[in-house]
Amino acid sequence: MAVLPEPSYAQADNLTLAKADSLFLTQYYSEAFELYEQILEEEQYYSPQMLLKMAYIKEGLHDYTDAMYYLHMFYTKEPSRSTLKKMEELAQVHRLQGYEYSDLQFFKTQFSKYYMRLLEAMLLIAVVTVTVVLILLRRGRRFDKPFKIGLTVYLLFILYYVNFLSLGEAGIIRNDHVAIMSAPSAGANWMATASQGHKVPITGEQDIWYEIKWKGEKAYIRKSNLLELP
């Protein structure tokens, strides 16, 4: 069987990535970032190491919106408490809101990373278990109460996993002096003026506005002022 050569675009990507890494190591950070960004945008390719380097460059340039964005991308690919700690520390130093994380959120992120594999495994176990139970019931087998409760809880957990396991949508404010409004209108009541880097939950959208939570209250921000997280 003949071995086919790799496509030329893949070879070109490897060369571009190698050049970017070389520029990064020699501290030509701006030039390296341009190449990393080219790879990310044009080829939709990224590695965890590349994202960390992009975050490092943006932090050095005091662009905390993009720094947090790339750290978040890295975290969704490689969830770890050290990354959460880094984002929290960066947020505390620069007084950025929205980066407080709980153990439950970390737990959900781990599940999200392996969502399909875990779902397939849980469904397979459920199907086999229910099938065996039905066969045994037809043969007159009776099951005790703890087993019934355990099976019910397991099936309910799968239902929750499929329908309700979500980290929710969020975005990072990308500009300074951004108006936070009480309604999706430029004529609505002004609630606050926010600077870049703050992370906010996105709860909806309407025309050119995102509905968000700002300090626990429903608010609105123009879409152009918010960088939606993947």
Protein backbone atom coordinates (compact mmCIF):
# COMPACT_ATOMS: atom_id res chain seq x y z
CA MET A 1 0.00 0.00 0.00
CA ALA A 2 1.48 3.34 -1.09
CA VAL A 3 1.96 6.06 1.50
CA LEU A 4 0.43 9.31 0.29
CA PRO A 5 2.34 12.52 0.95
CA GLU A 6 0.81 15.09 3.29
CA PRO A 7 -1.10 17.92 1.59
CA SER A 8 1.02 20.94 0.75
CA TYR A 9 -1.12 23.26 2.92
CA ALA A 10 -0.32 21.10 5.96
CA GLN A 11 3.38 21.36 5.20
CA ALA A 12 3.06 25.12 4.80
CA ASP A 13 1.24 25.32 8.17
CA ASN A 14 4.05 23.41 9.87
CA LEU A 15 6.59 25.81 8.41
CA THR A 16 4.55 28.82 9.51
CA LEU A 17 4.13 27.43 13.01
CA ALA A 18 7.84 26.66 13.26
CA LYS A 19 8.67 30.20 12.12
CA ALA A 20 6.24 31.66 14.66
CA ASP A 21 7.74 29.55 17.47
CA SER A 22 11.23 30.67 16.44
CA LEU A 23 10.19 34.33 16.55
CA PHE A 24 8.61 33.78 19.96
CA LEU A 25 11.79 32.21 21.36
CA THR A 26 13.86 35.15 20.10
CA GLN A 27 11.34 37.56 21.70
CA TYR A 28 9.95 38.97 18.45
CA TYR A 29 6.55 38.70 20.03
CA SER A 30 4.50 40.94 17.73
CA GLU A 31 5.74 39.16 14.62
CA ALA A 32 5.15 35.77 16.24
CA PHE A 33 1.62 36.72 17.22
CA GLU A 34 0.77 37.75 13.65
CA LEU A 35 1.73 34.29 12.42
CA TYR A 36 -0.11 32.52 15.24
CA GLU A 37 -3.20 34.59 14.48
CA GLN A 38 -2.89 33.75 10.77
CA ILE A 39 -2.80 30.03 11.57
CA LEU A 40 -5.76 30.34 13.93
CA GLU A 41 -7.98 32.40 11.64
CA GLU A 42 -7.15 30.94 8.23
CA GLU A 43 -6.70 27.29 9.10
CA GLN A 44 -8.84 27.06 12.27
CA TYR A 45 -5.94 25.23 13.88
CA TYR A 46 -4.48 25.71 17.32
CA SER A 47 -2.59 23.79 19.93
CA PRO A 48 -2.66 24.40 23.69
CA GLN A 49 0.94 25.63 23.59
CA MET A 50 0.14 28.12 20.83
CA LEU A 51 -2.80 29.54 22.79
CA LEU A 52 -0.65 30.01 25.89
CA LYS A 53 1.96 31.86 23.85
CA MET A 54 -0.72 34.11 22.33
CA ALA A 55 -2.09 34.86 25.81
CA TYR A 56 1.43 35.61 27.08
CA ILE A 57 2.06 38.05 24.23
CA LYS A 58 -1.23 39.85 24.74
CA GLU A 59 -0.66 40.11 28.49
CA GLY A 60 2.74 41.68 27.81
CA LEU A 61 1.03 44.22 25.54
CA HIS A 62 -1.51 44.98 28.32
CA ASP A 63 -4.34 43.72 26.11
CA TYR A 64 -6.13 41.86 28.87
CA THR A 65 -9.26 41.20 26.83
CA ASP A 66 -7.38 39.09 24.30
CA ALA A 67 -5.12 37.61 26.99
CA MET A 68 -8.17 36.32 28.86
CA TYR A 69 -9.76 35.18 25.59
CA TYR A 70 -6.82 32.95 24.66
CA LEU A 71 -6.48 31.68 28.22
CA HIS A 72 -10.16 30.74 28.11
CA MET A 73 -9.66 28.92 24.80
CA PHE A 74 -6.75 27.05 26.34
CA TYR A 75 -8.84 26.19 29.40
CA THR A 76 -11.69 24.74 27.33
CA LYS A 77 -9.16 22.52 25.54
CA GLU A 78 -7.07 21.63 28.60
CA PRO A 79 -9.10 22.29 31.78
CA SER A 80 -6.86 22.75 34.81
CA ARG A 81 -6.98 24.52 38.14
CA SER A 82 -3.65 26.21 37.39
CA THR A 83 -5.21 27.98 34.39
CA LEU A 84 -8.17 29.08 36.51
CA LYS A 85 -5.74 30.40 39.12
CA LYS A 86 -3.82 32.31 36.44
CA MET A 87 -7.00 33.96 35.16
CA GLU A 88 -8.13 34.81 38.68
CA GLU A 89 -4.75 36.31 39.56
CA LEU A 90 -4.68 38.36 36.36
CA ALA A 91 -8.23 39.54 37.05
CA GLN A 92 -7.41 40.53 40.63
CA VAL A 93 -4.32 42.50 39.65
CA HIS A 94 -6.24 44.48 37.04
CA ARG A 95 -9.54 44.59 38.96
CA LEU A 96 -11.48 42.63 36.37
CA GLN A 97 -14.84 41.12 37.24
CA GLY A 98 -16.38 37.79 36.25
CA TYR A 99 -13.44 35.42 36.70
CA GLU A 100 -14.47 33.82 39.97
CA TYR A 101 -14.69 30.05 39.55
CA SER A 102 -16.21 27.38 41.76
CA ASP A 103 -15.51 23.67 42.08
CA LEU A 104 -18.84 23.00 40.35
CA GLN A 105 -17.78 25.01 37.29
CA PHE A 106 -14.48 23.14 37.13
CA PHE A 107 -16.37 19.87 37.39
CA LYS A 108 -18.70 20.91 34.55
CA THR A 109 -15.76 21.94 32.37
CA GLN A 110 -14.13 18.55 32.79
CA PHE A 111 -17.38 16.88 31.79
CA SER A 112 -17.76 19.20 28.78
CA LYS A 113 -14.31 18.31 27.47
CA TYR A 114 -15.18 14.61 27.31
CA TYR A 115 -18.90 15.14 26.77
CA MET A 116 -19.54 12.73 23.89
CA ARG A 117 -17.27 9.96 25.16
CA LEU A 118 -18.86 10.05 28.59
CA LEU A 119 -22.36 10.20 27.13
CA GLU A 120 -21.72 7.18 24.91
CA ALA A 121 -20.31 5.20 27.85
CA MET A 122 -23.19 6.14 30.16
CA LEU A 123 -25.82 5.32 27.55
CA LEU A 124 -24.19 1.96 26.82
CA ILE A 125 -24.17 1.09 30.51
CA ALA A 126 -27.80 2.23 30.86
CA VAL A 127 -28.98 0.20 27.85
CA VAL A 128 -27.19 -2.96 29.01
CA THR A 129 -28.41 -2.55 32.60
CA VAL A 130 -32.04 -1.89 31.64
CA THR A 131 -32.01 -4.78 29.17
CA VAL A 132 -30.68 -7.19 31.79
CA VAL A 133 -33.20 -5.92 34.35
CA LEU A 134 -36.12 -6.42 31.96
CA ILE A 135 -34.98 -9.95 31.12
CA LEU A 136 -34.64 -10.83 34.80
CA LEU A 137 -38.02 -9.29 35.64
CA ARG A 138 -39.66 -11.52 33.03
CA ARG A 139 -38.03 -14.49 34.71
CA GLY A 140 -39.53 -13.47 38.04
CA ARG A 141 -36.47 -11.83 39.57
CA ARG A 142 -37.16 -9.11 42.12
CA PHE A 143 -34.83 -6.23 42.91
CA ASP A 144 -34.43 -4.54 46.27
CA LYS A 145 -35.21 -0.88 46.92
CA PRO A 146 -31.58 0.42 46.99
CA PHE A 147 -30.96 -1.02 43.51
CA LYS A 148 -34.13 0.61 42.14
CA ILE A 149 -33.21 3.96 43.68
CA GLY A 150 -29.66 3.74 42.34
CA LEU A 151 -30.83 2.91 38.81
CA THR A 152 -33.39 5.74 38.88
CA VAL A 153 -30.77 8.25 40.05
CA TYR A 154 -28.39 7.08 37.32
CA LEU A 155 -31.01 7.49 34.58
CA LEU A 156 -31.99 10.93 35.93
CA PHE A 157 -28.33 11.96 35.90
CA ILE A 158 -28.10 11.01 32.21
CA LEU A 159 -31.20 13.13 31.57
CA TYR A 160 -29.59 16.06 33.37
CA TYR A 161 -26.31 15.50 31.52
CA VAL A 162 -28.01 15.63 28.11
CA ASN A 163 -30.37 18.53 28.76
CA PHE A 164 -28.94 20.77 31.43
CA LEU A 165 -25.17 20.43 31.59
CA SER A 166 -24.05 23.79 30.28
CA LEU A 167 -21.41 26.31 31.29
CA GLY A 168 -23.55 29.05 29.77
CA GLU A 169 -22.46 31.64 27.25
CA ALA A 170 -20.15 34.47 28.22
CA GLY A 171 -18.17 37.28 26.67
CA ILE A 172 -15.36 39.70 27.48
CA ILE A 173 -15.81 43.44 27.12
CA ARG A 174 -13.41 44.42 24.36
CA ASN A 175 -13.38 48.24 24.56
CA ASP A 176 -13.00 50.97 27.18
CA HIS A 177 -15.75 53.38 28.26
CA VAL A 178 -18.50 50.94 27.27
CA ALA A 179 -22.05 51.86 28.25
CA ILE A 180 -24.04 49.23 30.14
CA MET A 181 -27.74 49.96 29.55
CA SER A 182 -30.95 48.88 31.26
CA ALA A 183 -32.67 48.07 27.95
CA PRO A 184 -31.63 47.33 24.33
CA SER A 185 -31.74 50.96 23.26
CA ALA A 186 -29.36 53.90 23.18
CA GLY A 187 -32.11 55.90 24.90
CA ALA A 188 -32.46 53.49 27.82
CA ASN A 189 -31.26 54.22 31.33
CA TRP A 190 -27.51 54.17 31.79
CA MET A 191 -26.40 51.62 34.42
CA ALA A 192 -22.60 51.79 34.32
CA THR A 193 -19.54 52.50 32.21
CA ALA A 194 -17.26 49.48 31.89
CA SER A 195 -13.67 49.10 30.80
CA GLN A 196 -12.22 46.28 28.73
CA GLY A 197 -11.40 42.88 30.17
CA HIS A 198 -14.48 42.27 32.33
CA LYS A 199 -16.20 38.94 31.75
CA VAL A 200 -20.01 38.86 31.74
CA PRO A 201 -22.61 36.09 31.30
CA ILE A 202 -24.65 36.34 28.08
CA THR A 203 -28.31 35.55 28.74
CA GLY A 204 -29.83 36.54 25.39
CA GLU A 205 -29.61 38.85 22.40
CA GLN A 206 -31.77 41.36 20.57
CA ASP A 207 -30.76 43.01 17.31
CA ILE A 208 -27.40 44.72 17.93
CA TRP A 209 -27.53 44.08 21.69
CA TYR A 210 -26.52 41.27 24.01
CA GLU A 211 -28.52 40.73 27.17
CA ILE A 212 -26.05 40.20 30.00
CA LYS A 213 -25.78 40.01 33.76
CA TRP A 214 -24.00 42.99 35.26
CA LYS A 215 -23.36 42.75 39.00
CA GLY A 216 -26.31 40.39 39.31
CA GLU A 217 -28.75 42.56 37.34
CA LYS A 218 -30.09 42.21 33.81
CA ALA A 219 -28.42 44.66 31.48
CA TYR A 220 -27.58 45.22 27.82
CA ILE A 221 -24.41 45.90 25.86
CA ARG A 222 -23.79 46.46 22.15
CA LYS A 223 -22.52 43.34 20.40
CA SER A 224 -19.61 45.26 18.94
CA ASN A 225 -18.33 45.89 22.47
CA LEU A 226 -18.31 42.25 23.53
CA LEU A 227 -15.99 39.44 22.47
CA GLU A 228 -18.01 36.24 22.71
CA LEU A 229 -16.13 33.33 24.23
CA PRO A 230 -16.07 29.98 22.37
